[in-house]
N, C-alpha and C. Protein backbone atom coordinates (compact mmCIF):
# COMPACT_ATOMS: atom_id res chain seq x y z
N MET A 1 -38.46 -5.99 59.10
CA MET A 1 -39.46 -5.16 58.68
C MET A 1 -38.84 -3.95 57.94
N LYS A 2 -37.71 -3.45 58.39
CA LYS A 2 -37.06 -2.31 57.69
C LYS A 2 -36.82 -2.63 56.23
N GLU A 3 -36.36 -3.84 55.95
CA GLU A 3 -36.04 -4.25 54.52
C GLU A 3 -37.30 -4.24 53.71
N ILE A 4 -38.41 -4.73 54.28
CA ILE A 4 -39.65 -4.66 53.52
C ILE A 4 -40.11 -3.15 53.17
N GLU A 5 -39.96 -2.40 54.27
CA GLU A 5 -40.33 -0.94 54.09
C GLU A 5 -39.45 -0.30 52.97
N LYS A 6 -38.20 -0.64 53.00
CA LYS A 6 -37.34 -0.13 52.04
C LYS A 6 -37.65 -0.71 50.59
N THR A 7 -37.98 -1.94 50.49
CA THR A 7 -38.37 -2.50 49.20
C THR A 7 -39.60 -1.75 48.65
N LEU A 8 -40.66 -1.48 49.58
CA LEU A 8 -41.86 -0.82 49.08
C LEU A 8 -41.55 0.60 48.66
N GLU A 9 -40.76 1.28 49.42
CA GLU A 9 -40.36 2.73 49.11
C GLU A 9 -39.62 2.83 47.87
N ASN A 10 -38.79 1.81 47.58
CA ASN A 10 -37.95 1.83 46.29
C ASN A 10 -38.85 1.64 45.12
N LYS A 11 -40.10 1.14 45.34
CA LYS A 11 -41.09 0.95 44.24
C LYS A 11 -42.14 2.04 44.33
N SER A 12 -41.91 3.07 45.12
CA SER A 12 -42.79 4.18 45.29
C SER A 12 -44.19 3.80 45.86
N VAL A 13 -44.12 2.81 46.76
CA VAL A 13 -45.36 2.41 47.45
C VAL A 13 -45.14 2.75 49.01
N ARG A 14 -46.17 3.47 49.47
CA ARG A 14 -46.05 3.85 50.90
C ARG A 14 -46.26 2.56 51.78
N PRO A 15 -45.23 2.43 52.66
CA PRO A 15 -45.23 1.19 53.47
C PRO A 15 -46.18 1.24 54.74
N THR A 16 -47.46 1.09 54.48
CA THR A 16 -48.44 0.99 55.50
C THR A 16 -48.29 -0.28 56.22
N ALA A 17 -48.98 -0.37 57.44
CA ALA A 17 -48.90 -1.57 58.15
C ALA A 17 -49.50 -2.82 57.37
N MET A 18 -50.62 -2.65 56.69
CA MET A 18 -51.18 -3.75 56.00
C MET A 18 -50.34 -4.14 54.76
N ARG A 19 -49.80 -3.20 54.10
CA ARG A 19 -48.90 -3.54 52.88
C ARG A 19 -47.67 -4.29 53.45
N ILE A 20 -47.15 -3.89 54.47
CA ILE A 20 -45.95 -4.65 55.08
C ILE A 20 -46.39 -6.07 55.51
N LEU A 21 -47.49 -6.23 56.21
CA LEU A 21 -48.06 -7.49 56.47
C LEU A 21 -48.29 -8.41 55.28
N ILE A 22 -48.88 -7.98 54.39
CA ILE A 22 -49.13 -8.72 53.07
C ILE A 22 -47.79 -9.12 52.40
N TYR A 23 -46.95 -8.14 52.25
CA TYR A 23 -45.56 -8.57 51.65
C TYR A 23 -44.89 -9.59 52.45
N LYS A 24 -44.93 -9.40 53.75
CA LYS A 24 -44.26 -10.43 54.59
C LYS A 24 -44.92 -11.82 54.46
N TYR A 25 -46.23 -11.86 54.48
CA TYR A 25 -46.98 -13.12 54.30
C TYR A 25 -46.62 -13.79 53.06
N MET A 26 -46.56 -13.02 51.91
CA MET A 26 -46.22 -13.58 50.63
C MET A 26 -44.79 -14.11 50.61
N ALA A 27 -43.93 -13.36 51.26
CA ALA A 27 -42.43 -13.79 51.23
C ALA A 27 -42.30 -15.01 52.05
N GLU A 28 -43.07 -15.16 53.16
CA GLU A 28 -42.95 -16.39 53.89
C GLU A 28 -43.53 -17.58 53.30
N LYS A 29 -44.62 -17.39 52.46
CA LYS A 29 -45.31 -18.54 51.78
C LYS A 29 -44.43 -19.13 50.72
N GLU A 30 -43.58 -18.43 50.06
CA GLU A 30 -42.78 -18.96 48.99
C GLU A 30 -43.45 -19.63 47.81
N ILE A 31 -44.84 -19.44 47.81
CA ILE A 31 -45.58 -20.01 46.70
C ILE A 31 -46.47 -18.91 46.26
N ALA A 32 -47.12 -19.10 44.98
CA ALA A 32 -48.08 -18.09 44.67
C ALA A 32 -49.32 -18.16 45.45
N VAL A 33 -49.93 -17.05 45.75
CA VAL A 33 -51.12 -17.10 46.60
C VAL A 33 -52.31 -16.37 45.91
N ALA A 34 -53.44 -16.89 46.11
CA ALA A 34 -54.67 -16.29 45.58
C ALA A 34 -55.18 -15.20 46.61
N LEU A 35 -56.02 -14.36 46.07
CA LEU A 35 -56.64 -13.30 47.02
C LEU A 35 -57.39 -13.93 48.16
N THR A 36 -58.01 -15.07 47.84
CA THR A 36 -58.72 -15.77 48.93
C THR A 36 -57.74 -16.28 50.05
N ASP A 37 -56.54 -16.72 49.65
CA ASP A 37 -55.57 -17.14 50.72
C ASP A 37 -55.17 -15.88 51.57
N ILE A 38 -55.07 -14.74 50.95
CA ILE A 38 -54.76 -13.53 51.73
C ILE A 38 -55.95 -13.10 52.60
N GLU A 39 -57.18 -13.22 52.08
CA GLU A 39 -58.36 -12.91 52.81
C GLU A 39 -58.42 -13.84 54.04
N ASN A 40 -58.11 -15.12 53.82
CA ASN A 40 -58.22 -16.04 55.03
C ASN A 40 -57.14 -15.74 56.05
N ALA A 41 -55.91 -15.32 55.54
CA ALA A 41 -54.89 -15.03 56.52
C ALA A 41 -55.13 -13.79 57.31
N PHE A 42 -55.85 -12.87 56.71
CA PHE A 42 -56.23 -11.55 57.30
C PHE A 42 -57.66 -11.38 57.35
N ALA A 43 -58.30 -12.33 57.98
CA ALA A 43 -59.78 -12.31 57.95
C ALA A 43 -60.49 -11.11 58.59
N LYS A 44 -59.75 -10.35 59.42
CA LYS A 44 -60.47 -9.21 59.91
C LYS A 44 -60.23 -7.94 59.10
N ALA A 45 -59.35 -7.97 58.18
CA ALA A 45 -59.12 -6.92 57.30
C ALA A 45 -60.11 -6.70 56.28
N ASP A 46 -60.29 -5.47 55.77
CA ASP A 46 -61.29 -5.14 54.73
C ASP A 46 -60.83 -5.78 53.40
N ARG A 47 -61.79 -6.48 52.81
CA ARG A 47 -61.42 -7.20 51.59
C ARG A 47 -60.96 -6.31 50.39
N THR A 48 -61.61 -5.07 50.46
CA THR A 48 -61.20 -4.12 49.43
C THR A 48 -59.78 -3.63 49.59
N THR A 49 -59.43 -3.43 50.80
CA THR A 49 -57.98 -3.03 51.12
C THR A 49 -57.02 -4.08 50.65
N LEU A 50 -57.38 -5.35 50.82
CA LEU A 50 -56.49 -6.44 50.42
C LEU A 50 -56.34 -6.53 48.88
N TYR A 51 -57.53 -6.34 48.23
CA TYR A 51 -57.49 -6.41 46.78
C TYR A 51 -56.71 -5.18 46.26
N ARG A 52 -56.91 -4.01 46.76
CA ARG A 52 -56.25 -2.83 46.28
C ARG A 52 -54.71 -2.97 46.53
N THR A 53 -54.40 -3.52 47.70
CA THR A 53 -52.95 -3.75 47.94
C THR A 53 -52.33 -4.61 46.97
N LEU A 54 -52.91 -5.80 46.56
CA LEU A 54 -52.44 -6.70 45.55
C LEU A 54 -52.37 -5.92 44.24
N LYS A 55 -53.27 -5.22 43.80
CA LYS A 55 -53.30 -4.50 42.56
C LYS A 55 -52.28 -3.41 42.57
N THR A 56 -52.03 -2.68 43.70
CA THR A 56 -50.99 -1.70 43.77
C THR A 56 -49.60 -2.40 43.61
N PHE A 57 -49.43 -3.47 44.36
CA PHE A 57 -48.11 -4.35 44.20
C PHE A 57 -47.92 -4.78 42.76
N GLU A 58 -48.99 -5.14 42.02
CA GLU A 58 -48.86 -5.65 40.67
C GLU A 58 -48.54 -4.35 39.73
N GLU A 59 -49.13 -3.32 39.94
CA GLU A 59 -48.92 -2.13 39.11
C GLU A 59 -47.48 -1.62 39.34
N LYS A 60 -46.94 -1.81 40.51
CA LYS A 60 -45.64 -1.24 40.83
C LYS A 60 -44.52 -2.26 40.63
N GLY A 61 -44.86 -3.45 40.17
CA GLY A 61 -43.87 -4.50 39.84
C GLY A 61 -43.34 -5.22 41.10
N ILE A 62 -44.16 -5.23 42.11
CA ILE A 62 -43.76 -5.99 43.37
C ILE A 62 -44.15 -7.39 43.32
N VAL A 63 -45.25 -7.61 42.64
CA VAL A 63 -45.70 -8.96 42.46
C VAL A 63 -46.14 -9.19 40.98
N HIS A 64 -46.25 -10.39 40.53
CA HIS A 64 -46.77 -10.65 39.22
C HIS A 64 -47.93 -11.68 39.31
N GLN A 65 -48.91 -11.50 38.37
CA GLN A 65 -50.05 -12.35 38.40
C GLN A 65 -49.81 -13.60 37.69
N ILE A 66 -50.22 -14.71 38.11
CA ILE A 66 -49.99 -15.96 37.37
C ILE A 66 -51.38 -16.61 37.01
N ASP A 67 -51.48 -17.00 35.80
CA ASP A 67 -52.63 -17.75 35.35
C ASP A 67 -52.13 -19.25 35.22
N ASP A 68 -52.55 -20.02 36.34
CA ASP A 68 -52.05 -21.41 36.31
C ASP A 68 -53.07 -22.33 35.79
N GLY A 69 -54.06 -21.88 35.15
CA GLY A 69 -55.12 -22.72 34.53
C GLY A 69 -56.26 -23.18 35.51
N THR A 70 -56.21 -22.64 36.75
CA THR A 70 -57.25 -23.01 37.75
C THR A 70 -58.44 -22.09 37.72
N ASN A 71 -58.37 -21.03 36.85
CA ASN A 71 -59.40 -20.07 36.89
C ASN A 71 -59.36 -19.18 38.13
N ILE A 72 -58.31 -19.17 38.88
CA ILE A 72 -58.11 -18.40 40.06
C ILE A 72 -56.80 -17.67 39.92
N SER A 73 -56.85 -16.35 39.91
CA SER A 73 -55.52 -15.54 39.72
C SER A 73 -54.75 -15.79 41.02
N LYS A 74 -53.47 -16.03 40.74
CA LYS A 74 -52.49 -16.17 41.85
C LYS A 74 -51.43 -15.12 41.68
N TYR A 75 -50.83 -14.75 42.79
CA TYR A 75 -49.80 -13.63 42.79
C TYR A 75 -48.53 -14.11 43.50
N ALA A 76 -47.44 -13.83 42.99
CA ALA A 76 -46.15 -14.16 43.57
C ALA A 76 -45.16 -12.94 43.54
N LEU A 77 -44.34 -12.77 44.53
CA LEU A 77 -43.42 -11.68 44.62
C LEU A 77 -42.44 -11.75 43.50
N CYS A 78 -42.14 -10.64 42.93
CA CYS A 78 -41.03 -10.61 41.83
C CYS A 78 -39.70 -10.72 42.49
N GLU A 79 -38.77 -11.20 41.72
CA GLU A 79 -37.44 -11.33 42.12
C GLU A 79 -36.86 -9.98 42.29
N PRO A 80 -35.86 -9.72 43.16
CA PRO A 80 -35.13 -8.42 43.35
C PRO A 80 -34.60 -8.02 41.94
N GLY A 81 -34.82 -6.77 41.62
CA GLY A 81 -34.23 -6.29 40.42
C GLY A 81 -35.09 -6.45 39.14
N CYS A 82 -36.20 -7.24 39.33
CA CYS A 82 -37.19 -7.45 38.16
C CYS A 82 -38.15 -6.32 38.19
N ASN A 83 -38.47 -5.84 37.07
CA ASN A 83 -39.57 -4.88 36.86
C ASN A 83 -40.81 -5.46 36.20
N CYS A 84 -40.82 -6.76 36.13
CA CYS A 84 -41.98 -7.57 35.55
C CYS A 84 -42.31 -7.22 34.23
N GLU A 85 -41.45 -6.73 33.43
CA GLU A 85 -41.70 -6.52 32.05
C GLU A 85 -41.46 -7.82 31.35
N ILE A 86 -42.10 -7.95 30.19
CA ILE A 86 -42.13 -9.28 29.50
C ILE A 86 -40.73 -9.71 29.14
N GLU A 87 -39.82 -8.72 28.78
CA GLU A 87 -38.54 -9.14 28.37
C GLU A 87 -37.68 -9.58 29.44
N GLN A 88 -37.97 -9.21 30.82
CA GLN A 88 -37.16 -9.59 31.90
C GLN A 88 -37.81 -10.66 32.74
N ASP A 89 -38.99 -10.84 32.81
CA ASP A 89 -39.67 -11.77 33.76
C ASP A 89 -40.21 -13.00 33.06
N LEU A 90 -39.55 -13.56 32.15
CA LEU A 90 -39.97 -14.76 31.43
C LEU A 90 -39.46 -16.06 32.06
N HIS A 91 -40.13 -16.42 33.15
CA HIS A 91 -39.71 -17.67 33.81
C HIS A 91 -41.00 -18.66 33.86
N LEU A 92 -40.63 -19.85 34.12
CA LEU A 92 -41.63 -20.90 34.18
C LEU A 92 -42.39 -20.93 35.49
N HIS A 93 -43.59 -21.48 35.55
CA HIS A 93 -44.34 -21.75 36.70
C HIS A 93 -44.66 -23.21 36.82
N PHE A 94 -44.82 -23.69 37.95
CA PHE A 94 -45.17 -25.16 38.18
C PHE A 94 -46.36 -25.17 39.07
N HIS A 95 -47.42 -25.85 38.57
CA HIS A 95 -48.65 -26.10 39.28
C HIS A 95 -48.73 -27.59 39.68
N CYS A 96 -48.90 -27.88 40.90
CA CYS A 96 -49.06 -29.24 41.37
C CYS A 96 -50.52 -29.65 41.27
N ASN A 97 -50.76 -30.73 40.56
CA ASN A 97 -52.08 -31.20 40.40
C ASN A 97 -52.64 -31.86 41.64
N ASN A 98 -51.79 -32.13 42.65
CA ASN A 98 -52.20 -32.87 43.82
C ASN A 98 -52.61 -31.85 44.93
N CYS A 99 -51.67 -30.95 45.28
CA CYS A 99 -51.84 -29.95 46.35
C CYS A 99 -52.31 -28.63 45.92
N ASP A 100 -52.38 -28.34 44.59
CA ASP A 100 -52.82 -27.09 43.95
C ASP A 100 -51.93 -25.92 44.18
N GLU A 101 -50.73 -26.23 44.66
CA GLU A 101 -49.72 -25.06 44.89
C GLU A 101 -49.11 -24.75 43.54
N THR A 102 -48.85 -23.47 43.34
CA THR A 102 -48.11 -22.97 42.14
C THR A 102 -46.86 -22.19 42.61
N VAL A 103 -45.80 -22.44 42.03
CA VAL A 103 -44.50 -21.83 42.36
C VAL A 103 -43.90 -21.21 41.09
N CYS A 104 -43.10 -20.23 41.35
CA CYS A 104 -42.33 -19.64 40.31
C CYS A 104 -40.96 -20.42 40.14
N LEU A 105 -40.60 -20.81 39.07
CA LEU A 105 -39.27 -21.40 38.73
C LEU A 105 -38.41 -20.40 37.95
N THR A 106 -38.00 -19.43 38.85
CA THR A 106 -37.34 -18.32 38.26
C THR A 106 -35.96 -18.59 37.60
N GLU A 107 -35.39 -19.72 38.09
CA GLU A 107 -34.13 -20.09 37.47
C GLU A 107 -34.22 -20.75 36.07
N HIS A 108 -35.54 -21.07 35.64
CA HIS A 108 -35.81 -21.70 34.45
C HIS A 108 -36.51 -20.67 33.49
N LYS A 109 -35.84 -20.05 32.54
CA LYS A 109 -36.34 -19.02 31.70
C LYS A 109 -37.13 -19.52 30.53
N ILE A 110 -38.17 -18.88 30.15
CA ILE A 110 -38.84 -19.19 28.90
C ILE A 110 -38.01 -18.82 27.74
N PRO A 111 -37.86 -19.62 26.76
CA PRO A 111 -36.93 -19.24 25.62
C PRO A 111 -37.57 -18.00 24.83
N GLN A 112 -36.73 -17.17 24.35
CA GLN A 112 -37.16 -15.98 23.63
C GLN A 112 -37.81 -16.54 22.30
N VAL A 113 -38.94 -15.95 21.99
CA VAL A 113 -39.65 -16.23 20.75
C VAL A 113 -39.63 -15.09 19.79
N ASN A 114 -39.14 -15.26 18.60
CA ASN A 114 -39.20 -14.20 17.63
C ASN A 114 -40.56 -14.26 16.91
N LEU A 115 -41.35 -13.30 17.16
CA LEU A 115 -42.70 -13.23 16.50
C LEU A 115 -42.60 -12.64 15.15
N PRO A 116 -43.51 -12.95 14.34
CA PRO A 116 -43.64 -12.36 12.95
C PRO A 116 -43.77 -10.86 13.03
N ASP A 117 -43.35 -10.18 11.95
CA ASP A 117 -43.57 -8.74 11.95
C ASP A 117 -44.94 -8.35 12.15
N GLY A 118 -45.17 -7.32 12.89
CA GLY A 118 -46.51 -6.84 13.17
C GLY A 118 -47.12 -7.33 14.41
N TYR A 119 -46.49 -8.40 15.03
CA TYR A 119 -47.01 -9.00 16.27
C TYR A 119 -46.22 -8.37 17.47
N VAL A 120 -46.83 -8.06 18.50
CA VAL A 120 -46.23 -7.47 19.72
C VAL A 120 -46.66 -8.25 20.89
N ALA A 121 -45.72 -8.90 21.57
CA ALA A 121 -46.01 -9.65 22.79
C ALA A 121 -46.23 -8.66 23.89
N GLU A 122 -47.36 -9.00 24.63
CA GLU A 122 -47.75 -8.22 25.80
C GLU A 122 -47.66 -9.06 27.09
N ASP A 123 -47.78 -10.38 26.90
CA ASP A 123 -47.75 -11.24 28.05
C ASP A 123 -47.26 -12.61 27.61
N ALA A 124 -46.61 -13.30 28.49
CA ALA A 124 -46.19 -14.66 28.27
C ALA A 124 -46.43 -15.50 29.62
N ASN A 125 -46.93 -16.70 29.35
CA ASN A 125 -47.16 -17.55 30.58
C ASN A 125 -46.90 -19.01 30.16
N LEU A 126 -46.06 -19.63 30.88
CA LEU A 126 -45.79 -21.01 30.61
C LEU A 126 -45.92 -21.67 31.98
N VAL A 127 -46.92 -22.59 32.11
CA VAL A 127 -47.11 -23.34 33.41
C VAL A 127 -46.95 -24.84 33.10
N ILE A 128 -46.05 -25.40 33.85
CA ILE A 128 -45.89 -26.94 33.76
C ILE A 128 -46.79 -27.50 34.88
N LYS A 129 -47.53 -28.48 34.59
CA LYS A 129 -48.44 -29.13 35.59
C LYS A 129 -47.93 -30.55 35.80
N GLY A 130 -48.04 -30.85 37.04
CA GLY A 130 -47.59 -32.22 37.41
C GLY A 130 -47.64 -32.39 38.91
N ILE A 131 -46.78 -33.13 39.54
CA ILE A 131 -46.73 -33.51 40.93
C ILE A 131 -45.50 -32.88 41.54
N CYS A 132 -45.67 -31.98 42.56
CA CYS A 132 -44.44 -31.21 43.16
C CYS A 132 -43.59 -32.24 44.01
N GLU A 133 -42.46 -31.66 44.45
CA GLU A 133 -41.48 -32.45 45.23
C GLU A 133 -42.14 -32.97 46.46
N LYS A 134 -42.92 -32.11 47.15
CA LYS A 134 -43.52 -32.53 48.40
C LYS A 134 -44.50 -33.70 48.26
N CYS A 135 -45.35 -33.56 47.24
CA CYS A 135 -46.37 -34.55 46.98
C CYS A 135 -45.76 -35.86 46.39
N SER A 136 -44.70 -35.78 45.72
CA SER A 136 -44.11 -37.00 45.12
C SER A 136 -43.31 -37.76 46.13
N GLY A 137 -42.99 -37.14 47.24
CA GLY A 137 -42.29 -37.73 48.34
C GLY A 137 -40.76 -37.84 48.10
N GLN A 138 -40.19 -37.01 47.19
CA GLN A 138 -38.87 -36.95 46.91
C GLN A 138 -38.18 -35.82 47.54
């Protein structure tokens, strides 16, 4: 728990009990989670608190939002040292068409794209869809 508190404090986020629990939950899942997943895990918690916690984590670079094409925003913890800026956080995501899980493939970087003059990248998202290791039985 002390490590989680330190991580939050390093990002200028006050380590409240709920924030620590949500961070721990996301770290243990090791997959991207939707707000509804967090709401189900913390059914007695106030939904607004859960939403605001996710948004605070996103604003402070603790999590990044993933658009995996399911029309449901998912969130994953950022790698240590990442500030979630487009130049640093360009990694692939994989969405399993069978179990609907989405994972970050941080070791696989999106290639740098040189845009034409006058174009400014604000976001990049590359999701590979297929069958995950668990579902393929390998």
